[in-house]
mmCIF file of all heavy atoms, coordinates in Angstrom:
data_MODEL
# 
_entry.id   MODEL 
# 
loop_
_atom_site.group_PDB 
_atom_site.id 
_atom_site.type_symbol 
_atom_site.label_atom_id 
_atom_site.label_alt_id 
_atom_site.label_comp_id 
_atom_site.label_asym_id 
_atom_site.label_entity_id 
_atom_site.label_seq_id 
_atom_site.pdbx_PDB_ins_code 
_atom_site.Cartn_x 
_atom_site.Cartn_y 
_atom_site.Cartn_z 
_atom_site.occupancy 
_atom_site.B_iso_or_equiv 
_atom_site.pdbx_formal_charge 
_atom_site.auth_seq_id 
_atom_site.auth_comp_id 
_atom_site.auth_asym_id 
_atom_site.auth_atom_id 
_atom_site.pdbx_PDB_model_num 
ATOM 1   N N   . CYS A 1 1  ? 3.971   5.448   -6.605 1.00 0.00 ? 1  CYS A N   1 
ATOM 2   C CA  . CYS A 1 1  ? 3.672   5.900   -5.220 1.00 0.00 ? 1  CYS A CA  1 
ATOM 3   C C   . CYS A 1 1  ? 4.104   4.867   -4.186 1.00 0.00 ? 1  CYS A C   1 
ATOM 4   O O   . CYS A 1 1  ? 4.770   5.203   -3.160 1.00 0.00 ? 1  CYS A O   1 
ATOM 5   C CB  . CYS A 1 1  ? 2.189   6.181   -5.033 1.00 0.00 ? 1  CYS A CB  1 
ATOM 6   S SG  . CYS A 1 1  ? 1.609   7.466   -6.188 1.00 0.00 ? 1  CYS A SG  1 
ATOM 7   N N   . VAL A 1 2  ? 3.691   3.614   -4.389 1.00 0.00 ? 2  VAL A N   1 
ATOM 8   C CA  . VAL A 1 2  ? 4.014   2.571   -3.366 1.00 0.00 ? 2  VAL A CA  1 
ATOM 9   C C   . VAL A 1 2  ? 5.523   2.394   -3.279 1.00 0.00 ? 2  VAL A C   1 
ATOM 10  O O   . VAL A 1 2  ? 6.112   2.354   -2.198 1.00 0.00 ? 2  VAL A O   1 
ATOM 11  C CB  . VAL A 1 2  ? 3.301   1.240   -3.648 1.00 0.00 ? 2  VAL A CB  1 
ATOM 12  C CG1 . VAL A 1 2  ? 3.763   0.189   -2.751 1.00 0.00 ? 2  VAL A CG1 1 
ATOM 13  C CG2 . VAL A 1 2  ? 1.796   1.454   -3.615 1.00 0.00 ? 2  VAL A CG2 1 
ATOM 14  N N   . ALA A 1 3  ? 6.220   2.270   -4.421 1.00 0.00 ? 3  ALA A N   1 
ATOM 15  C CA  . ALA A 1 3  ? 7.617   2.038   -4.425 1.00 0.00 ? 3  ALA A CA  1 
ATOM 16  C C   . ALA A 1 3  ? 8.402   3.208   -3.737 1.00 0.00 ? 3  ALA A C   1 
ATOM 17  O O   . ALA A 1 3  ? 9.310   2.956   -2.903 1.00 0.00 ? 3  ALA A O   1 
ATOM 18  C CB  . ALA A 1 3  ? 8.125   1.852   -5.837 1.00 0.00 ? 3  ALA A CB  1 
ATOM 19  N N   . GLU A 1 4  ? 7.985   4.385   -4.102 1.00 0.00 ? 4  GLU A N   1 
ATOM 20  C CA  . GLU A 1 4  ? 8.609   5.617   -3.490 1.00 0.00 ? 4  GLU A CA  1 
ATOM 21  C C   . GLU A 1 4  ? 8.389   5.601   -1.999 1.00 0.00 ? 4  GLU A C   1 
ATOM 22  O O   . GLU A 1 4  ? 9.321   5.848   -1.188 1.00 0.00 ? 4  GLU A O   1 
ATOM 23  C CB  . GLU A 1 4  ? 8.057   6.868   -4.099 1.00 0.00 ? 4  GLU A CB  1 
ATOM 24  C CG  . GLU A 1 4  ? 8.759   8.077   -3.585 1.00 0.00 ? 4  GLU A CG  1 
ATOM 25  C CD  . GLU A 1 4  ? 8.307   9.316   -4.334 1.00 0.00 ? 4  GLU A CD  1 
ATOM 26  O OE1 . GLU A 1 4  ? 8.285   9.311   -5.567 1.00 0.00 ? 4  GLU A OE1 1 
ATOM 27  O OE2 . GLU A 1 4  ? 8.035   10.338  -3.657 1.00 0.00 ? 4  GLU A OE2 1 
ATOM 28  N N   . ASP A 1 5  ? 7.168   5.326   -1.544 1.00 0.00 ? 5  ASP A N   1 
ATOM 29  C CA  . ASP A 1 5  ? 6.866   5.379   -0.063 1.00 0.00 ? 5  ASP A CA  1 
ATOM 30  C C   . ASP A 1 5  ? 7.655   4.280   0.666  1.00 0.00 ? 5  ASP A C   1 
ATOM 31  O O   . ASP A 1 5  ? 8.111   4.549   1.775  1.00 0.00 ? 5  ASP A O   1 
ATOM 32  C CB  . ASP A 1 5  ? 5.370   5.238   0.160  1.00 0.00 ? 5  ASP A CB  1 
ATOM 33  C CG  . ASP A 1 5  ? 4.603   6.540   -0.096 1.00 0.00 ? 5  ASP A CG  1 
ATOM 34  O OD1 . ASP A 1 5  ? 5.224   7.577   -0.390 1.00 0.00 ? 5  ASP A OD1 1 
ATOM 35  O OD2 . ASP A 1 5  ? 3.344   6.529   0.056  1.00 0.00 ? 5  ASP A OD2 1 
ATOM 36  N N   . ILE A 1 6  ? 7.771   3.140   0.082  1.00 0.00 ? 6  ILE A N   1 
ATOM 37  C CA  . ILE A 1 6  ? 8.543   2.059   0.735  1.00 0.00 ? 6  ILE A CA  1 
ATOM 38  C C   . ILE A 1 6  ? 9.988   2.482   0.868  1.00 0.00 ? 6  ILE A C   1 
ATOM 39  O O   . ILE A 1 6  ? 10.609  2.295   1.916  1.00 0.00 ? 6  ILE A O   1 
ATOM 40  C CB  . ILE A 1 6  ? 8.382   0.772   -0.021 1.00 0.00 ? 6  ILE A CB  1 
ATOM 41  C CG1 . ILE A 1 6  ? 6.949   0.210   0.178  1.00 0.00 ? 6  ILE A CG1 1 
ATOM 42  C CG2 . ILE A 1 6  ? 9.406   -0.294  0.421  1.00 0.00 ? 6  ILE A CG2 1 
ATOM 43  C CD1 . ILE A 1 6  ? 6.583   -1.018  -0.705 1.00 0.00 ? 6  ILE A CD1 1 
ATOM 44  N N   . ARG A 1 7  ? 10.543  3.078   -0.183 1.00 0.00 ? 7  ARG A N   1 
ATOM 45  C CA  . ARG A 1 7  ? 11.909  3.581   -0.138 1.00 0.00 ? 7  ARG A CA  1 
ATOM 46  C C   . ARG A 1 7  ? 12.105  4.578   0.937  1.00 0.00 ? 7  ARG A C   1 
ATOM 47  O O   . ARG A 1 7  ? 13.206  4.667   1.576  1.00 0.00 ? 7  ARG A O   1 
ATOM 48  C CB  . ARG A 1 7  ? 12.359  4.093   -1.514 1.00 0.00 ? 7  ARG A CB  1 
ATOM 49  C CG  . ARG A 1 7  ? 12.736  3.069   -2.533 1.00 0.00 ? 7  ARG A CG  1 
ATOM 50  C CD  . ARG A 1 7  ? 13.438  3.657   -3.736 1.00 0.00 ? 7  ARG A CD  1 
ATOM 51  N NE  . ARG A 1 7  ? 12.536  4.423   -4.623 1.00 0.00 ? 7  ARG A NE  1 
ATOM 52  C CZ  . ARG A 1 7  ? 11.744  3.914   -5.572 1.00 0.00 ? 7  ARG A CZ  1 
ATOM 53  N NH1 . ARG A 1 7  ? 11.790  2.627   -5.779 1.00 0.00 ? 7  ARG A NH1 1 
ATOM 54  N NH2 . ARG A 1 7  ? 11.015  4.659   -6.304 1.00 0.00 ? 7  ARG A NH2 1 
ATOM 55  N N   . GLU A 1 8  ? 11.049  5.364   1.204  1.00 0.00 ? 8  GLU A N   1 
ATOM 56  C CA  . GLU A 1 8  ? 11.145  6.405   2.241  1.00 0.00 ? 8  GLU A CA  1 
ATOM 57  C C   . GLU A 1 8  ? 10.708  5.885   3.593  1.00 0.00 ? 8  GLU A C   1 
ATOM 58  O O   . GLU A 1 8  ? 10.621  6.658   4.535  1.00 0.00 ? 8  GLU A O   1 
ATOM 59  C CB  . GLU A 1 8  ? 10.241  7.605   1.828  1.00 0.00 ? 8  GLU A CB  1 
ATOM 60  C CG  . GLU A 1 8  ? 10.747  8.284   0.585  1.00 0.00 ? 8  GLU A CG  1 
ATOM 61  C CD  . GLU A 1 8  ? 9.784   9.464   0.170  1.00 0.00 ? 8  GLU A CD  1 
ATOM 62  O OE1 . GLU A 1 8  ? 8.770   9.717   0.842  1.00 0.00 ? 8  GLU A OE1 1 
ATOM 63  O OE2 . GLU A 1 8  ? 10.080  10.053  -0.901 1.00 0.00 ? 8  GLU A OE2 1 
ATOM 64  N N   . GLY A 1 9  ? 10.438  4.581   3.697  1.00 0.00 ? 9  GLY A N   1 
ATOM 65  C CA  . GLY A 1 9  ? 10.104  4.030   5.019  1.00 0.00 ? 9  GLY A CA  1 
ATOM 66  C C   . GLY A 1 9  ? 8.719   4.193   5.451  1.00 0.00 ? 9  GLY A C   1 
ATOM 67  O O   . GLY A 1 9  ? 8.385   4.029   6.631  1.00 0.00 ? 9  GLY A O   1 
ATOM 68  N N   . LYS A 1 10 ? 7.826   4.572   4.542  1.00 0.00 ? 10 LYS A N   1 
ATOM 69  C CA  . LYS A 1 10 ? 6.386   4.803   4.883  1.00 0.00 ? 10 LYS A CA  1 
ATOM 70  C C   . LYS A 1 10 ? 5.662   3.456   4.751  1.00 0.00 ? 10 LYS A C   1 
ATOM 71  O O   . LYS A 1 10 ? 4.958   3.221   3.811  1.00 0.00 ? 10 LYS A O   1 
ATOM 72  C CB  . LYS A 1 10 ? 5.812   5.884   3.968  1.00 0.00 ? 10 LYS A CB  1 
ATOM 73  C CG  . LYS A 1 10 ? 6.450   7.233   4.166  1.00 0.00 ? 10 LYS A CG  1 
ATOM 74  C CD  . LYS A 1 10 ? 5.840   8.204   3.177  1.00 0.00 ? 10 LYS A CD  1 
ATOM 75  C CE  . LYS A 1 10 ? 6.552   9.512   3.167  1.00 0.00 ? 10 LYS A CE  1 
ATOM 76  N NZ  . LYS A 1 10 ? 6.003   10.420  2.146  1.00 0.00 ? 10 LYS A NZ  1 
ATOM 77  N N   . ASP A 1 11 ? 5.787   2.632   5.767  1.00 0.00 ? 11 ASP A N   1 
ATOM 78  C CA  . ASP A 1 11 ? 5.151   1.305   5.725  1.00 0.00 ? 11 ASP A CA  1 
ATOM 79  C C   . ASP A 1 11 ? 3.674   1.348   5.726  1.00 0.00 ? 11 ASP A C   1 
ATOM 80  O O   . ASP A 1 11 ? 2.980   0.358   5.376  1.00 0.00 ? 11 ASP A O   1 
ATOM 81  C CB  . ASP A 1 11 ? 5.715   0.474   6.929  1.00 0.00 ? 11 ASP A CB  1 
ATOM 82  C CG  . ASP A 1 11 ? 7.155   0.093   6.767  1.00 0.00 ? 11 ASP A CG  1 
ATOM 83  O OD1 . ASP A 1 11 ? 7.657   0.122   5.606  1.00 0.00 ? 11 ASP A OD1 1 
ATOM 84  O OD2 . ASP A 1 11 ? 7.798   -0.165  7.808  1.00 0.00 ? 11 ASP A OD2 1 
ATOM 85  N N   . GLU A 1 12 ? 3.049   2.402   6.174  1.00 0.00 ? 12 GLU A N   1 
ATOM 86  C CA  . GLU A 1 12 ? 1.581   2.501   6.166  1.00 0.00 ? 12 GLU A CA  1 
ATOM 87  C C   . GLU A 1 12 ? 1.012   2.426   4.753  1.00 0.00 ? 12 GLU A C   1 
ATOM 88  O O   . GLU A 1 12 ? -0.130  2.000   4.554  1.00 0.00 ? 12 GLU A O   1 
ATOM 89  C CB  . GLU A 1 12 ? 1.048   3.798   6.854  1.00 0.00 ? 12 GLU A CB  1 
ATOM 90  C CG  . GLU A 1 12 ? 1.444   5.087   6.119  1.00 0.00 ? 12 GLU A CG  1 
ATOM 91  C CD  . GLU A 1 12 ? 2.808   5.660   6.516  1.00 0.00 ? 12 GLU A CD  1 
ATOM 92  O OE1 . GLU A 1 12 ? 3.583   4.972   7.219  1.00 0.00 ? 12 GLU A OE1 1 
ATOM 93  O OE2 . GLU A 1 12 ? 3.110   6.761   6.110  1.00 0.00 ? 12 GLU A OE2 1 
ATOM 94  N N   . THR A 1 13 ? 1.864   2.684   3.790  1.00 0.00 ? 13 THR A N   1 
ATOM 95  C CA  . THR A 1 13 ? 1.395   2.578   2.392  1.00 0.00 ? 13 THR A CA  1 
ATOM 96  C C   . THR A 1 13 ? 1.142   1.111   1.974  1.00 0.00 ? 13 THR A C   1 
ATOM 97  O O   . THR A 1 13 ? 0.225   0.830   1.188  1.00 0.00 ? 13 THR A O   1 
ATOM 98  C CB  . THR A 1 13 ? 2.480   3.161   1.443  1.00 0.00 ? 13 THR A CB  1 
ATOM 99  O OG1 . THR A 1 13 ? 2.646   4.506   1.800  1.00 0.00 ? 13 THR A OG1 1 
ATOM 100 C CG2 . THR A 1 13 ? 2.080   3.070   -0.014 1.00 0.00 ? 13 THR A CG2 1 
ATOM 101 N N   . ILE A 1 14 ? 1.863   0.220   2.628  1.00 0.00 ? 14 ILE A N   1 
ATOM 102 C CA  . ILE A 1 14 ? 1.583   -1.233  2.393  1.00 0.00 ? 14 ILE A CA  1 
ATOM 103 C C   . ILE A 1 14 ? 0.217   -1.593  2.909  1.00 0.00 ? 14 ILE A C   1 
ATOM 104 O O   . ILE A 1 14 ? -0.568  -2.287  2.208  1.00 0.00 ? 14 ILE A O   1 
ATOM 105 C CB  . ILE A 1 14 ? 2.727   -2.092  3.047  1.00 0.00 ? 14 ILE A CB  1 
ATOM 106 C CG1 . ILE A 1 14 ? 4.042   -1.801  2.363  1.00 0.00 ? 14 ILE A CG1 1 
ATOM 107 C CG2 . ILE A 1 14 ? 2.327   -3.573  2.958  1.00 0.00 ? 14 ILE A CG2 1 
ATOM 108 C CD1 . ILE A 1 14 ? 5.214   -2.378  3.073  1.00 0.00 ? 14 ILE A CD1 1 
ATOM 109 N N   . ASP A 1 15 ? -0.134  -1.121  4.044  1.00 0.00 ? 15 ASP A N   1 
ATOM 110 C CA  . ASP A 1 15 ? -1.487  -1.413  4.620  1.00 0.00 ? 15 ASP A CA  1 
ATOM 111 C C   . ASP A 1 15 ? -2.569  -0.827  3.697  1.00 0.00 ? 15 ASP A C   1 
ATOM 112 O O   . ASP A 1 15 ? -3.586  -1.415  3.436  1.00 0.00 ? 15 ASP A O   1 
ATOM 113 C CB  . ASP A 1 15 ? -1.615  -0.804  6.041  1.00 0.00 ? 15 ASP A CB  1 
ATOM 114 C CG  . ASP A 1 15 ? -0.691  -1.505  7.029  1.00 0.00 ? 15 ASP A CG  1 
ATOM 115 O OD1 . ASP A 1 15 ? -0.381  -2.672  6.846  1.00 0.00 ? 15 ASP A OD1 1 
ATOM 116 O OD2 . ASP A 1 15 ? -0.365  -0.835  8.009  1.00 0.00 ? 15 ASP A OD2 1 
ATOM 117 N N   . GLU A 1 16 ? -2.303  0.399   3.180  1.00 0.00 ? 16 GLU A N   1 
ATOM 118 C CA  . GLU A 1 16 ? -3.269  1.063   2.282  1.00 0.00 ? 16 GLU A CA  1 
ATOM 119 C C   . GLU A 1 16 ? -3.425  0.165   0.987  1.00 0.00 ? 16 GLU A C   1 
ATOM 120 O O   . GLU A 1 16 ? -4.515  0.022   0.532  1.00 0.00 ? 16 GLU A O   1 
ATOM 121 C CB  . GLU A 1 16 ? -2.769  2.482   1.945  1.00 0.00 ? 16 GLU A CB  1 
ATOM 122 C CG  . GLU A 1 16 ? -3.690  3.192   1.005  1.00 0.00 ? 16 GLU A CG  1 
ATOM 123 C CD  . GLU A 1 16 ? -3.064  4.552   0.587  1.00 0.00 ? 16 GLU A CD  1 
ATOM 124 O OE1 . GLU A 1 16 ? -2.082  4.543   -0.149 1.00 0.00 ? 16 GLU A OE1 1 
ATOM 125 O OE2 . GLU A 1 16 ? -3.654  5.513   1.018  1.00 0.00 ? 16 GLU A OE2 1 
ATOM 126 N N   . LEU A 1 17 ? -2.307  -0.309  0.512  1.00 0.00 ? 17 LEU A N   1 
ATOM 127 C CA  . LEU A 1 17 ? -2.340  -1.164  -0.739 1.00 0.00 ? 17 LEU A CA  1 
ATOM 128 C C   . LEU A 1 17 ? -3.127  -2.449  -0.447 1.00 0.00 ? 17 LEU A C   1 
ATOM 129 O O   . LEU A 1 17 ? -3.904  -2.877  -1.294 1.00 0.00 ? 17 LEU A O   1 
ATOM 130 C CB  . LEU A 1 17 ? -0.903  -1.432  -1.179 1.00 0.00 ? 17 LEU A CB  1 
ATOM 131 C CG  . LEU A 1 17 ? -0.815  -2.359  -2.426 1.00 0.00 ? 17 LEU A CG  1 
ATOM 132 C CD1 . LEU A 1 17 ? -1.483  -1.760  -3.626 1.00 0.00 ? 17 LEU A CD1 1 
ATOM 133 C CD2 . LEU A 1 17 ? 0.706   -2.626  -2.694 1.00 0.00 ? 17 LEU A CD2 1 
ATOM 134 N N   . VAL A 1 18 ? -2.844  -3.079  0.661  1.00 0.00 ? 18 VAL A N   1 
ATOM 135 C CA  . VAL A 1 18 ? -3.544  -4.293  1.022  1.00 0.00 ? 18 VAL A CA  1 
ATOM 136 C C   . VAL A 1 18 ? -5.076  -4.072  1.109  1.00 0.00 ? 18 VAL A C   1 
ATOM 137 O O   . VAL A 1 18 ? -5.829  -4.799  0.580  1.00 0.00 ? 18 VAL A O   1 
ATOM 138 C CB  . VAL A 1 18 ? -3.031  -4.909  2.371  1.00 0.00 ? 18 VAL A CB  1 
ATOM 139 C CG1 . VAL A 1 18 ? -3.917  -5.983  2.841  1.00 0.00 ? 18 VAL A CG1 1 
ATOM 140 C CG2 . VAL A 1 18 ? -1.596  -5.400  2.171  1.00 0.00 ? 18 VAL A CG2 1 
ATOM 141 N N   . THR A 1 19 ? -5.458  -2.936  1.718  1.00 0.00 ? 19 THR A N   1 
ATOM 142 C CA  . THR A 1 19 ? -6.875  -2.628  1.788  1.00 0.00 ? 19 THR A CA  1 
ATOM 143 C C   . THR A 1 19 ? -7.447  -2.383  0.393  1.00 0.00 ? 19 THR A C   1 
ATOM 144 O O   . THR A 1 19 ? -8.577  -2.874  0.120  1.00 0.00 ? 19 THR A O   1 
ATOM 145 C CB  . THR A 1 19 ? -7.044  -1.329  2.685  1.00 0.00 ? 19 THR A CB  1 
ATOM 146 O OG1 . THR A 1 19 ? -6.549  -1.601  3.943  1.00 0.00 ? 19 THR A OG1 1 
ATOM 147 C CG2 . THR A 1 19 ? -8.531  -0.928  2.749  1.00 0.00 ? 19 THR A CG2 1 
ATOM 148 N N   . ALA A 1 20 ? -6.734  -1.677  -0.409 1.00 0.00 ? 20 ALA A N   1 
ATOM 149 C CA  . ALA A 1 20 ? -7.221  -1.447  -1.768 1.00 0.00 ? 20 ALA A CA  1 
ATOM 150 C C   . ALA A 1 20 ? -7.400  -2.761  -2.531 1.00 0.00 ? 20 ALA A C   1 
ATOM 151 O O   . ALA A 1 20 ? -8.382  -2.957  -3.256 1.00 0.00 ? 20 ALA A O   1 
ATOM 152 C CB  . ALA A 1 20 ? -6.278  -0.506  -2.536 1.00 0.00 ? 20 ALA A CB  1 
ATOM 153 N N   . LEU A 1 21 ? -6.432  -3.682  -2.407 1.00 0.00 ? 21 LEU A N   1 
ATOM 154 C CA  . LEU A 1 21 ? -6.483  -4.970  -3.090 1.00 0.00 ? 21 LEU A CA  1 
ATOM 155 C C   . LEU A 1 21 ? -7.661  -5.782  -2.576 1.00 0.00 ? 21 LEU A C   1 
ATOM 156 O O   . LEU A 1 21 ? -8.358  -6.439  -3.342 1.00 0.00 ? 21 LEU A O   1 
ATOM 157 C CB  . LEU A 1 21 ? -5.174  -5.766  -2.882 1.00 0.00 ? 21 LEU A CB  1 
ATOM 158 C CG  . LEU A 1 21 ? -3.974  -5.230  -3.650 1.00 0.00 ? 21 LEU A CG  1 
ATOM 159 C CD1 . LEU A 1 21 ? -2.708  -5.929  -3.194 1.00 0.00 ? 21 LEU A CD1 1 
ATOM 160 C CD2 . LEU A 1 21 ? -4.192  -5.405  -5.133 1.00 0.00 ? 21 LEU A CD2 1 
ATOM 161 N N   . GLN A 1 22 ? -7.904  -5.738  -1.293 1.00 0.00 ? 22 GLN A N   1 
ATOM 162 C CA  . GLN A 1 22 ? -9.095  -6.468  -0.697 1.00 0.00 ? 22 GLN A CA  1 
ATOM 163 C C   . GLN A 1 22 ? -10.368 -5.948  -1.319 1.00 0.00 ? 22 GLN A C   1 
ATOM 164 O O   . GLN A 1 22 ? -11.285 -6.730  -1.637 1.00 0.00 ? 22 GLN A O   1 
ATOM 165 C CB  . GLN A 1 22 ? -9.064  -6.383  0.818  1.00 0.00 ? 22 GLN A CB  1 
ATOM 166 C CG  . GLN A 1 22 ? -7.982  -7.165  1.424  1.00 0.00 ? 22 GLN A CG  1 
ATOM 167 C CD  . GLN A 1 22 ? -7.787  -6.881  2.915  1.00 0.00 ? 22 GLN A CD  1 
ATOM 168 O OE1 . GLN A 1 22 ? -8.178  -5.831  3.410  1.00 0.00 ? 22 GLN A OE1 1 
ATOM 169 N NE2 . GLN A 1 22 ? -7.220  -7.839  3.615  1.00 0.00 ? 22 GLN A NE2 1 
ATOM 170 N N   . LYS A 1 23 ? -10.486 -4.649  -1.475 1.00 0.00 ? 23 LYS A N   1 
ATOM 171 C CA  . LYS A 1 23 ? -11.721 -4.062  -2.053 1.00 0.00 ? 23 LYS A CA  1 
ATOM 172 C C   . LYS A 1 23 ? -11.878 -4.472  -3.527 1.00 0.00 ? 23 LYS A C   1 
ATOM 173 O O   . LYS A 1 23 ? -12.935 -4.769  -4.000 1.00 0.00 ? 23 LYS A O   1 
ATOM 174 C CB  . LYS A 1 23 ? -11.645 -2.496  -2.001 1.00 0.00 ? 23 LYS A CB  1 
ATOM 175 C CG  . LYS A 1 23 ? -11.845 -1.985  -0.560 1.00 0.00 ? 23 LYS A CG  1 
ATOM 176 C CD  . LYS A 1 23 ? -11.769 -0.501  -0.496 1.00 0.00 ? 23 LYS A CD  1 
ATOM 177 C CE  . LYS A 1 23 ? -11.924 0.044   0.885  1.00 0.00 ? 23 LYS A CE  1 
ATOM 178 N NZ  . LYS A 1 23 ? -11.752 1.444   1.010  1.00 0.00 ? 23 LYS A NZ  1 
ATOM 179 N N   . LEU A 1 24 ? -10.715 -4.509  -4.268 1.00 0.00 ? 24 LEU A N   1 
ATOM 180 C CA  . LEU A 1 24 ? -10.762 -4.947  -5.643 1.00 0.00 ? 24 LEU A CA  1 
ATOM 181 C C   . LEU A 1 24 ? -11.158 -6.358  -5.871 1.00 0.00 ? 24 LEU A C   1 
ATOM 182 O O   . LEU A 1 24 ? -11.740 -6.771  -6.860 1.00 0.00 ? 24 LEU A O   1 
ATOM 183 C CB  . LEU A 1 24 ? -9.448  -4.679  -6.340 1.00 0.00 ? 24 LEU A CB  1 
ATOM 184 C CG  . LEU A 1 24 ? -9.074  -3.262  -6.643 1.00 0.00 ? 24 LEU A CG  1 
ATOM 185 C CD1 . LEU A 1 24 ? -7.654  -3.149  -7.133 1.00 0.00 ? 24 LEU A CD1 1 
ATOM 186 C CD2 . LEU A 1 24 ? -10.027 -2.654  -7.710 1.00 0.00 ? 24 LEU A CD2 1 
ATOM 187 N N   . MET A 1 25 ? -10.861 -7.230  -4.887 1.00 0.00 ? 25 MET A N   1 
ATOM 188 C CA  . MET A 1 25 ? -11.156 -8.654  -4.987 1.00 0.00 ? 25 MET A CA  1 
ATOM 189 C C   . MET A 1 25 ? -12.445 -9.080  -4.463 1.00 0.00 ? 25 MET A C   1 
ATOM 190 O O   . MET A 1 25 ? -12.706 -10.322 -4.398 1.00 0.00 ? 25 MET A O   1 
ATOM 191 C CB  . MET A 1 25 ? -9.957  -9.439  -4.266 1.00 0.00 ? 25 MET A CB  1 
ATOM 192 C CG  . MET A 1 25 ? -8.636  -9.289  -4.883 1.00 0.00 ? 25 MET A CG  1 
ATOM 193 S SD  . MET A 1 25 ? -7.428  -10.127 -3.871 1.00 0.00 ? 25 MET A SD  1 
ATOM 194 C CE  . MET A 1 25 ? -6.042  -10.168 -5.006 1.00 0.00 ? 25 MET A CE  1 
ATOM 195 N N   . ARG A 1 26 ? -13.272 -8.177  -4.013 1.00 0.00 ? 26 ARG A N   1 
ATOM 196 C CA  . ARG A 1 26 ? -14.619 -8.549  -3.588 1.00 0.00 ? 26 ARG A CA  1 
ATOM 197 C C   . ARG A 1 26 ? -15.423 -9.236  -4.641 1.00 0.00 ? 26 ARG A C   1 
ATOM 198 O O   . ARG A 1 26 ? -15.378 -9.090  -5.786 1.00 0.00 ? 26 ARG A O   1 
ATOM 199 C CB  . ARG A 1 26 ? -15.351 -7.311  -3.088 1.00 0.00 ? 26 ARG A CB  1 
ATOM 200 C CG  . ARG A 1 26 ? -14.826 -6.816  -1.758 1.00 0.00 ? 26 ARG A CG  1 
ATOM 201 C CD  . ARG A 1 26 ? -15.680 -5.745  -1.269 1.00 0.00 ? 26 ARG A CD  1 
ATOM 202 N NE  . ARG A 1 26 ? -15.047 -5.194  -0.098 1.00 0.00 ? 26 ARG A NE  1 
ATOM 203 C CZ  . ARG A 1 26 ? -15.373 -3.967  0.450  1.00 0.00 ? 26 ARG A CZ  1 
ATOM 204 N NH1 . ARG A 1 26 ? -16.227 -3.219  -0.122 1.00 0.00 ? 26 ARG A NH1 1 
ATOM 205 N NH2 . ARG A 1 26 ? -14.712 -3.572  1.509  1.00 0.00 ? 26 ARG A NH2 1 
# 
């Protein structure tokens, strides 16, 4: 999903990934 969205220029997916990683690292 992330790789495909980045290829398609959907940079908001990066923000979503960062948020998910922050939740996982609590």
